[in-house]
Amino acid sequence: MEPKSGPGKQYGEGYKYVSYGLTFAGGIIVFMLVGLWLDRRLGVVPLFTVAGTLIGGVLSFLSVYRRLEAERSGQRRKKDGAD
């Protein structure tokens, strides 16, 4: 059953995109902290922190991108089925 349109549905859409942003930021922060921990443990100053931040950024971007593409293809299928 399709939810009714209105303010409630718009809030739901907004929260979905907030969760995408938190996923993106969270992935970067987690990988950065792991890199910082490794740097302190091994005594290599910014190497793993920078690498972790970059890896976290790329993986977080890919995660959010795949979720958005899946949503977009689902909307296309729904639109094609409605015609």
PDB file of N, CA and C in Angstrom:
ATOM      1  N   MET A   1       0.844  -1.171   0.000  1.00  0.00           N
ATOM      2  CA  MET A   1       0.000   0.000   0.000  1.00  0.00           C
ATOM      3  C   MET A   1       0.893   1.239   0.000  1.00  0.00           C
ATOM      4  N   GLU A   2       0.630   2.130  -0.883  1.00  0.00           N
ATOM      5  CA  GLU A   2       1.389   3.373  -1.028  1.00  0.00           C
ATOM      6  C   GLU A   2       0.969   4.377   0.046  1.00  0.00           C
ATOM      7  N   PRO A   3       1.939   4.961   0.774  1.00  0.00           N
ATOM      8  CA  PRO A   3       1.555   5.951   1.783  1.00  0.00           C
ATOM      9  C   PRO A   3       0.939   7.182   1.141  1.00  0.00           C
ATOM     10  N   LYS A   4       0.045   7.819   1.893  1.00  0.00           N
ATOM     11  CA  LYS A   4      -0.592   9.036   1.399  1.00  0.00           C
ATOM     12  C   LYS A   4       0.431  10.146   1.272  1.00  0.00           C
ATOM     13  N   SER A   5       0.204  11.033   0.312  1.00  0.00           N
ATOM     14  CA  SER A   5       1.098  12.179   0.194  1.00  0.00           C
ATOM     15  C   SER A   5       0.685  13.231   1.204  1.00  0.00           C
ATOM     16  N   GLY A   6       1.623  14.038   1.582  1.00  0.00           N
ATOM     17  CA  GLY A   6       1.357  15.072   2.567  1.00  0.00           C
ATOM     18  C   GLY A   6       2.604  15.368   3.366  1.00  0.00           C
ATOM     19  N   PRO A   7       2.459  16.155   4.415  1.00  0.00           N
ATOM     20  CA  PRO A   7       3.638  16.554   5.196  1.00  0.00           C
ATOM     21  C   PRO A   7       4.374  15.366   5.811  1.00  0.00           C
ATOM     22  N   GLY A   8       3.669  14.350   6.255  1.00  0.00           N
ATOM     23  CA  GLY A   8       4.315  13.193   6.864  1.00  0.00           C
ATOM     24  C   GLY A   8       5.244  12.478   5.909  1.00  0.00           C
ATOM     25  N   LYS A   9       4.818  12.338   4.669  1.00  0.00           N
ATOM     26  CA  LYS A   9       5.651  11.668   3.678  1.00  0.00           C
ATOM     27  C   LYS A   9       6.888  12.502   3.369  1.00  0.00           C
ATOM     28  N   GLN A  10       6.738  13.810   3.330  1.00  0.00           N
ATOM     29  CA  GLN A  10       7.882  14.678   3.048  1.00  0.00           C
ATOM     30  C   GLN A  10       8.907  14.604   4.166  1.00  0.00           C
ATOM     31  N   TYR A  11       8.464  14.516   5.420  1.00  0.00           N
ATOM     32  CA  TYR A  11       9.391  14.358   6.531  1.00  0.00           C
ATOM     33  C   TYR A  11      10.138  13.034   6.406  1.00  0.00           C
ATOM     34  N   GLY A  12       9.447  12.000   6.008  1.00  0.00           N
ATOM     35  CA  GLY A  12      10.087  10.695   5.814  1.00  0.00           C
ATOM     36  C   GLY A  12      11.169  10.756   4.760  1.00  0.00           C
ATOM     37  N   GLU A  13      10.891  11.443   3.665  1.00  0.00           N
ATOM     38  CA  GLU A  13      11.893  11.618   2.611  1.00  0.00           C
ATOM     39  C   GLU A  13      13.095  12.382   3.147  1.00  0.00           C
ATOM     40  N   GLY A  14      12.850  13.415   3.937  1.00  0.00           N
ATOM     41  CA  GLY A  14      13.950  14.205   4.489  1.00  0.00           C
ATOM     42  C   GLY A  14      14.823  13.388   5.415  1.00  0.00           C
ATOM     43  N   TYR A  15      14.200  12.579   6.269  1.00  0.00           N
ATOM     44  CA  TYR A  15      14.970  11.752   7.196  1.00  0.00           C
ATOM     45  C   TYR A  15      15.800  10.711   6.457  1.00  0.00           C
ATOM     46  N   LYS A  16      15.287  10.246   5.334  1.00  0.00           N
ATOM     47  CA  LYS A  16      16.038   9.272   4.553  1.00  0.00           C
ATOM     48  C   LYS A  16      17.348   9.894   4.054  1.00  0.00           C
ATOM     49  N   TYR A  17      17.275  11.130   3.596  1.00  0.00           N
ATOM     50  CA  TYR A  17      18.484  11.790   3.103  1.00  0.00           C
ATOM     51  C   TYR A  17      19.412  12.207   4.241  1.00  0.00           C
ATOM     52  N   VAL A  18      18.859  12.489   5.399  1.00  0.00           N
ATOM     53  CA  VAL A  18      19.699  12.749   6.572  1.00  0.00           C
ATOM     54  C   VAL A  18      20.474  11.478   6.918  1.00  0.00           C
ATOM     55  N   SER A  19      19.824  10.332   6.833  1.00  0.00           N
ATOM     56  CA  SER A  19      20.519   9.078   7.129  1.00  0.00           C
ATOM     57  C   SER A  19      21.626   8.810   6.116  1.00  0.00           C
ATOM     58  N   TYR A  20      21.427   9.205   4.857  1.00  0.00           N
ATOM     59  CA  TYR A  20      22.505   9.065   3.861  1.00  0.00           C
ATOM     60  C   TYR A  20      23.698   9.929   4.254  1.00  0.00           C
ATOM     61  N   GLY A  21      23.440  11.138   4.703  1.00  0.00           N
ATOM     62  CA  GLY A  21      24.526  12.022   5.125  1.00  0.00           C
ATOM     63  C   GLY A  21      25.265  11.488   6.341  1.00  0.00           C
ATOM     64  N   LEU A  22      24.513  10.945   7.301  1.00  0.00           N
ATOM     65  CA  LEU A  22      25.143  10.365   8.480  1.00  0.00           C
ATOM     66  C   LEU A  22      25.948   9.117   8.129  1.00  0.00           C
ATOM     67  N   THR A  23      25.466   8.341   7.186  1.00  0.00           N
ATOM     68  CA  THR A  23      26.218   7.177   6.719  1.00  0.00           C
ATOM     69  C   THR A  23      27.540   7.608   6.111  1.00  0.00           C
ATOM     70  N   PHE A  24      27.490   8.637   5.289  1.00  0.00           N
ATOM     71  CA  PHE A  24      28.693   9.149   4.638  1.00  0.00           C
ATOM     72  C   PHE A  24      29.687   9.669   5.682  1.00  0.00           C
ATOM     73  N   ALA A  25      29.214  10.520   6.579  1.00  0.00           N
ATOM     74  CA  ALA A  25      30.103  11.101   7.596  1.00  0.00           C
ATOM     75  C   ALA A  25      30.603  10.040   8.568  1.00  0.00           C
ATOM     76  N   GLY A  26      29.737   9.131   8.962  1.00  0.00           N
ATOM     77  CA  GLY A  26      30.124   8.088   9.905  1.00  0.00           C
ATOM     78  C   GLY A  26      31.209   7.182   9.374  1.00  0.00           C
ATOM     79  N   GLY A  27      31.103   6.823   8.105  1.00  0.00           N
ATOM     80  CA  GLY A  27      32.131   5.979   7.495  1.00  0.00           C
ATOM     81  C   GLY A  27      33.487   6.660   7.487  1.00  0.00           C
ATOM     82  N   ILE A  28      33.495   7.934   7.154  1.00  0.00           N
ATOM     83  CA  ILE A  28      34.759   8.683   7.137  1.00  0.00           C
ATOM     84  C   ILE A  28      35.337   8.758   8.548  1.00  0.00           C
ATOM     85  N   ILE A  29      34.509   9.065   9.527  1.00  0.00           N
ATOM     86  CA  ILE A  29      34.995   9.219  10.903  1.00  0.00           C
ATOM     87  C   ILE A  29      35.520   7.893  11.448  1.00  0.00           C
ATOM     88  N   VAL A  30      34.808   6.806  11.205  1.00  0.00           N
ATOM     89  CA  VAL A  30      35.244   5.505  11.719  1.00  0.00           C
ATOM     90  C   VAL A  30      36.598   5.122  11.124  1.00  0.00           C
ATOM     91  N   PHE A  31      36.743   5.232   9.806  1.00  0.00           N
ATOM     92  CA  PHE A  31      38.012   4.870   9.186  1.00  0.00           C
ATOM     93  C   PHE A  31      39.137   5.814   9.603  1.00  0.00           C
ATOM     94  N   MET A  32      38.828   7.078   9.804  1.00  0.00           N
ATOM     95  CA  MET A  32      39.839   8.023  10.264  1.00  0.00           C
ATOM     96  C   MET A  32      40.315   7.653  11.672  1.00  0.00           C
ATOM     97  N   LEU A  33      39.393   7.297  12.552  1.00  0.00           N
ATOM     98  CA  LEU A  33      39.764   6.921  13.911  1.00  0.00           C
ATOM     99  C   LEU A  33      40.574   5.626  13.955  1.00  0.00           C
ATOM    100  N   VAL A  34      40.226   4.682  13.096  1.00  0.00           N
ATOM    101  CA  VAL A  34      41.028   3.456  13.004  1.00  0.00           C
ATOM    102  C   VAL A  34      42.435   3.793  12.526  1.00  0.00           C
ATOM    103  N   GLY A  35      42.550   4.671  11.539  1.00  0.00           N
ATOM    104  CA  GLY A  35      43.858   5.100  11.064  1.00  0.00           C
ATOM    105  C   GLY A  35      44.641   5.835  12.142  1.00  0.00           C
ATOM    106  N   LEU A  36      43.983   6.664  12.904  1.00  0.00           N
ATOM    107  CA  LEU A  36      44.640   7.386  14.000  1.00  0.00           C
ATOM    108  C   LEU A  36      45.151   6.408  15.057  1.00  0.00           C
ATOM    109  N   TRP A  37      44.334   5.421  15.373  1.00  0.00           N
ATOM    110  CA  TRP A  37      44.750   4.402  16.332  1.00  0.00           C
ATOM    111  C   TRP A  37      45.973   3.646  15.828  1.00  0.00           C
ATOM    112  N   LEU A  38      45.942   3.261  14.547  1.00  0.00           N
ATOM    113  CA  LEU A  38      47.099   2.558  13.966  1.00  0.00           C
ATOM    114  C   LEU A  38      48.346   3.440  13.978  1.00  0.00           C
ATOM    115  N   ASP A  39      48.184   4.726  13.649  1.00  0.00           N
ATOM    116  CA  ASP A  39      49.329   5.646  13.670  1.00  0.00           C
ATOM    117  C   ASP A  39      49.952   5.712  15.056  1.00  0.00           C
ATOM    118  N   ARG A  40      49.126   5.830  16.062  1.00  0.00           N
ATOM    119  CA  ARG A  40      49.642   5.918  17.430  1.00  0.00           C
ATOM    120  C   ARG A  40      50.268   4.596  17.865  1.00  0.00           C
ATOM    121  N   ARG A  41      49.678   3.516  17.451  1.00  0.00           N
ATOM    122  CA  ARG A  41      50.172   2.178  17.834  1.00  0.00           C
ATOM    123  C   ARG A  41      51.513   1.884  17.167  1.00  0.00           C
ATOM    124  N   LEU A  42      51.652   2.261  15.895  1.00  0.00           N
ATOM    125  CA  LEU A  42      52.868   1.940  15.143  1.00  0.00           C
ATOM    126  C   LEU A  42      53.875   3.080  15.118  1.00  0.00           C
ATOM    127  N   GLY A  43      53.488   4.263  15.565  1.00  0.00           N
ATOM    128  CA  GLY A  43      54.407   5.395  15.596  1.00  0.00           C
ATOM    129  C   GLY A  43      54.631   6.064  14.251  1.00  0.00           C
ATOM    130  N   VAL A  44      53.724   5.866  13.324  1.00  0.00           N
ATOM    131  CA  VAL A  44      53.806   6.500  12.007  1.00  0.00           C
ATOM    132  C   VAL A  44      52.770   7.626  12.023  1.00  0.00           C
ATOM    133  N   VAL A  45      53.249   8.866  12.007  1.00  0.00           N
ATOM    134  CA  VAL A  45      52.375   9.986  12.360  1.00  0.00           C
ATOM    135  C   VAL A  45      51.119  10.100  11.494  1.00  0.00           C
ATOM    136  N   PRO A  46      51.119  10.646  10.288  1.00  0.00           N
ATOM    137  CA  PRO A  46      49.810  10.844   9.646  1.00  0.00           C
ATOM    138  C   PRO A  46      49.460   9.809   8.578  1.00  0.00           C
ATOM    139  N   LEU A  47      50.275   8.813   8.405  1.00  0.00           N
ATOM    140  CA  LEU A  47      50.104   7.900   7.271  1.00  0.00           C
ATOM    141  C   LEU A  47      48.750   7.187   7.284  1.00  0.00           C
ATOM    142  N   PHE A  48      48.455   6.456   8.326  1.00  0.00           N
ATOM    143  CA  PHE A  48      47.213   5.675   8.363  1.00  0.00           C
ATOM    144  C   PHE A  48      45.981   6.546   8.593  1.00  0.00           C
ATOM    145  N   THR A  49      46.161   7.687   9.244  1.00  0.00           N
ATOM    146  CA  THR A  49      45.030   8.598   9.421  1.00  0.00           C
ATOM    147  C   THR A  49      44.570   9.131   8.075  1.00  0.00           C
ATOM    148  N   VAL A  50      45.514   9.559   7.258  1.00  0.00           N
ATOM    149  CA  VAL A  50      45.172  10.064   5.924  1.00  0.00           C
ATOM    150  C   VAL A  50      44.610   8.938   5.053  1.00  0.00           C
ATOM    151  N   ALA A  51      45.273   7.786   5.081  1.00  0.00           N
ATOM    152  CA  ALA A  51      44.798   6.654   4.274  1.00  0.00           C
ATOM    153  C   ALA A  51      43.404   6.212   4.727  1.00  0.00           C
ATOM    154  N   GLY A  52      43.184   6.142   6.036  1.00  0.00           N
ATOM    155  CA  GLY A  52      41.870   5.747   6.546  1.00  0.00           C
ATOM    156  C   GLY A  52      40.786   6.732   6.169  1.00  0.00           C
ATOM    157  N   THR A  53      41.114   8.018   6.222  1.00  0.00           N
ATOM    158  CA  THR A  53      40.137   9.039   5.845  1.00  0.00           C
ATOM    159  C   THR A  53      39.769   8.919   4.370  1.00  0.00           C
ATOM    160  N   LEU A  54      40.771   8.724   3.525  1.00  0.00           N
ATOM    161  CA  LEU A  54      40.504   8.583   2.083  1.00  0.00           C
ATOM    162  C   LEU A  54      39.712   7.310   1.785  1.00  0.00           C
ATOM    163  N   ILE A  55      40.114   6.208   2.399  1.00  0.00           N
ATOM    164  CA  ILE A  55      39.396   4.949   2.180  1.00  0.00           C
ATOM    165  C   ILE A  55      37.958   5.067   2.694  1.00  0.00           C
ATOM    166  N   GLY A  56      37.788   5.658   3.871  1.00  0.00           N
ATOM    167  CA  GLY A  56      36.445   5.852   4.415  1.00  0.00           C
ATOM    168  C   GLY A  56      35.587   6.730   3.523  1.00  0.00           C
ATOM    169  N   GLY A  57      36.178   7.773   2.963  1.00  0.00           N
ATOM    170  CA  GLY A  57      35.440   8.650   2.058  1.00  0.00           C
ATOM    171  C   GLY A  57      34.980   7.931   0.803  1.00  0.00           C
ATOM    172  N   VAL A  58      35.882   7.159   0.219  1.00  0.00           N
ATOM    173  CA  VAL A  58      35.533   6.434  -1.010  1.00  0.00           C
ATOM    174  C   VAL A  58      34.471   5.377  -0.732  1.00  0.00           C
ATOM    175  N   LEU A  59      34.674   4.581   0.325  1.00  0.00           N
ATOM    176  CA  LEU A  59      33.701   3.531   0.629  1.00  0.00           C
ATOM    177  C   LEU A  59      32.346   4.104   1.042  1.00  0.00           C
ATOM    178  N   SER A  60      32.356   5.186   1.784  1.00  0.00           N
ATOM    179  CA  SER A  60      31.092   5.820   2.177  1.00  0.00           C
ATOM    180  C   SER A  60      30.364   6.379   0.964  1.00  0.00           C
ATOM    181  N   PHE A  61      31.109   7.007   0.058  1.00  0.00           N
ATOM    182  CA  PHE A  61      30.500   7.523  -1.162  1.00  0.00           C
ATOM    183  C   PHE A  61      29.872   6.393  -1.965  1.00  0.00           C
ATOM    184  N   LEU A  62      30.602   5.290  -2.116  1.00  0.00           N
ATOM    185  CA  LEU A  62      30.063   4.167  -2.884  1.00  0.00           C
ATOM    186  C   LEU A  62      28.813   3.586  -2.232  1.00  0.00           C
ATOM    187  N   SER A  63      28.808   3.519  -0.911  1.00  0.00           N
ATOM    188  CA  SER A  63      27.636   3.000  -0.209  1.00  0.00           C
ATOM    189  C   SER A  63      26.407   3.876  -0.456  1.00  0.00           C
ATOM    190  N   VAL A  64      26.576   5.171  -0.289  1.00  0.00           N
ATOM    191  CA  VAL A  64      25.456   6.091  -0.495  1.00  0.00           C
ATOM    192  C   VAL A  64      25.038   6.100  -1.956  1.00  0.00           C
ATOM    193  N   TYR A  65      25.994   6.072  -2.871  1.00  0.00           N
ATOM    194  CA  TYR A  65      25.692   6.076  -4.308  1.00  0.00           C
ATOM    195  C   TYR A  65      24.882   4.842  -4.693  1.00  0.00           C
ATOM    196  N   ARG A  66      25.278   3.679  -4.189  1.00  0.00           N
ATOM    197  CA  ARG A  66      24.545   2.449  -4.517  1.00  0.00           C
ATOM    198  C   ARG A  66      23.129   2.491  -3.970  1.00  0.00           C
ATOM    199  N   ARG A  67      22.954   3.027  -2.766  1.00  0.00           N
ATOM    200  CA  ARG A  67      21.613   3.135  -2.197  1.00  0.00           C
ATOM    201  C   ARG A  67      20.747   4.084  -3.017  1.00  0.00           C
ATOM    202  N   LEU A  68      21.323   5.200  -3.449  1.00  0.00           N
ATOM    203  CA  LEU A  68      20.564   6.162  -4.258  1.00  0.00           C
ATOM    204  C   LEU A  68      20.220   5.584  -5.624  1.00  0.00           C
ATOM    205  N   GLU A  69      21.156   4.856  -6.229  1.00  0.00           N
ATOM    206  CA  GLU A  69      20.883   4.241  -7.532  1.00  0.00           C
ATOM    207  C   GLU A  69      19.807   3.163  -7.424  1.00  0.00           C
ATOM    208  N   ALA A  70      19.828   2.387  -6.342  1.00  0.00           N
ATOM    209  CA  ALA A  70      18.797   1.366  -6.151  1.00  0.00           C
ATOM    210  C   ALA A  70      17.425   2.023  -5.998  1.00  0.00           C
ATOM    211  N   GLU A  71      17.392   3.121  -5.258  1.00  0.00           N
ATOM    212  CA  GLU A  71      16.132   3.853  -5.089  1.00  0.00           C
ATOM    213  C   GLU A  71      15.651   4.416  -6.429  1.00  0.00           C
ATOM    214  N   ARG A  72      16.577   4.956  -7.194  1.00  0.00           N
ATOM    215  CA  ARG A  72      16.231   5.541  -8.495  1.00  0.00           C
ATOM    216  C   ARG A  72      15.714   4.478  -9.466  1.00  0.00           C
ATOM    217  N   SER A  73      16.365   3.309  -9.501  1.00  0.00           N
ATOM    218  CA  SER A  73      15.901   2.265 -10.412  1.00  0.00           C
ATOM    219  C   SER A  73      14.553   1.707  -9.951  1.00  0.00           C
ATOM    220  N   GLY A  74      14.319   1.666  -8.630  1.00  0.00           N
ATOM    221  CA  GLY A  74      13.013   1.241  -8.124  1.00  0.00           C
ATOM    222  C   GLY A  74      11.918   2.207  -8.517  1.00  0.00           C
ATOM    223  N   GLN A  75      12.218   3.499  -8.489  1.00  0.00           N
ATOM    224  CA  GLN A  75      11.236   4.500  -8.917  1.00  0.00           C
ATOM    225  C   GLN A  75      10.960   4.376 -10.405  1.00  0.00           C
ATOM    226  N   ARG A  76      11.998   4.089 -11.191  1.00  0.00           N
ATOM    227  CA  ARG A  76      11.798   3.907 -12.641  1.00  0.00           C
ATOM    228  C   ARG A  76      10.908   2.705 -12.919  1.00  0.00           C
ATOM    229  N   ARG A  77      11.172   1.590 -12.212  1.00  0.00           N
ATOM    230  CA  ARG A  77      10.358   0.394 -12.416  1.00  0.00           C
ATOM    231  C   ARG A  77       8.902   0.648 -12.023  1.00  0.00           C
ATOM    232  N   LYS A  78       8.718   1.383 -10.930  1.00  0.00           N
ATOM    233  CA  LYS A  78       7.367   1.696 -10.479  1.00  0.00           C
ATOM    234  C   LYS A  78       6.671   2.586 -11.515  1.00  0.00           C
ATOM    235  N   LYS A  79       7.412   3.554 -12.068  1.00  0.00           N
ATOM    236  CA  LYS A  79       6.842   4.450 -13.078  1.00  0.00           C
ATOM    237  C   LYS A  79       6.508   3.686 -14.356  1.00  0.00           C
ATOM    238  N   ASP A  80       7.393   2.799 -14.787  1.00  0.00           N
ATOM    239  CA  ASP A  80       7.149   2.015 -15.992  1.00  0.00           C
ATOM    240  C   ASP A  80       5.973   1.060 -15.802  1.00  0.00           C
ATOM    241  N   GLY A  81       5.831   0.528 -14.610  1.00  0.00           N
ATOM    242  CA  GLY A  81       4.710  -0.366 -14.315  1.00  0.00           C
ATOM    243  C   GLY A  81       3.383   0.360 -14.244  1.00  0.00           C
ATOM    244  N   ALA A  82       3.417   1.648 -13.886  1.00  0.00           N
ATOM    245  CA  ALA A  82       2.189   2.430 -13.768  1.00  0.00           C
ATOM    246  C   ALA A  82       1.649   2.864 -15.128  1.00  0.00           C
ATOM    247  N   ASP A  83       2.533   2.944 -16.115  1.00  0.00           N
ATOM    248  CA  ASP A  83       2.096   3.393 -17.454  1.00  0.00           C
ATOM    249  C   ASP A  83       1.321   2.351 -18.197  1.00  0.00           C
TER     250      ASP A  83
END
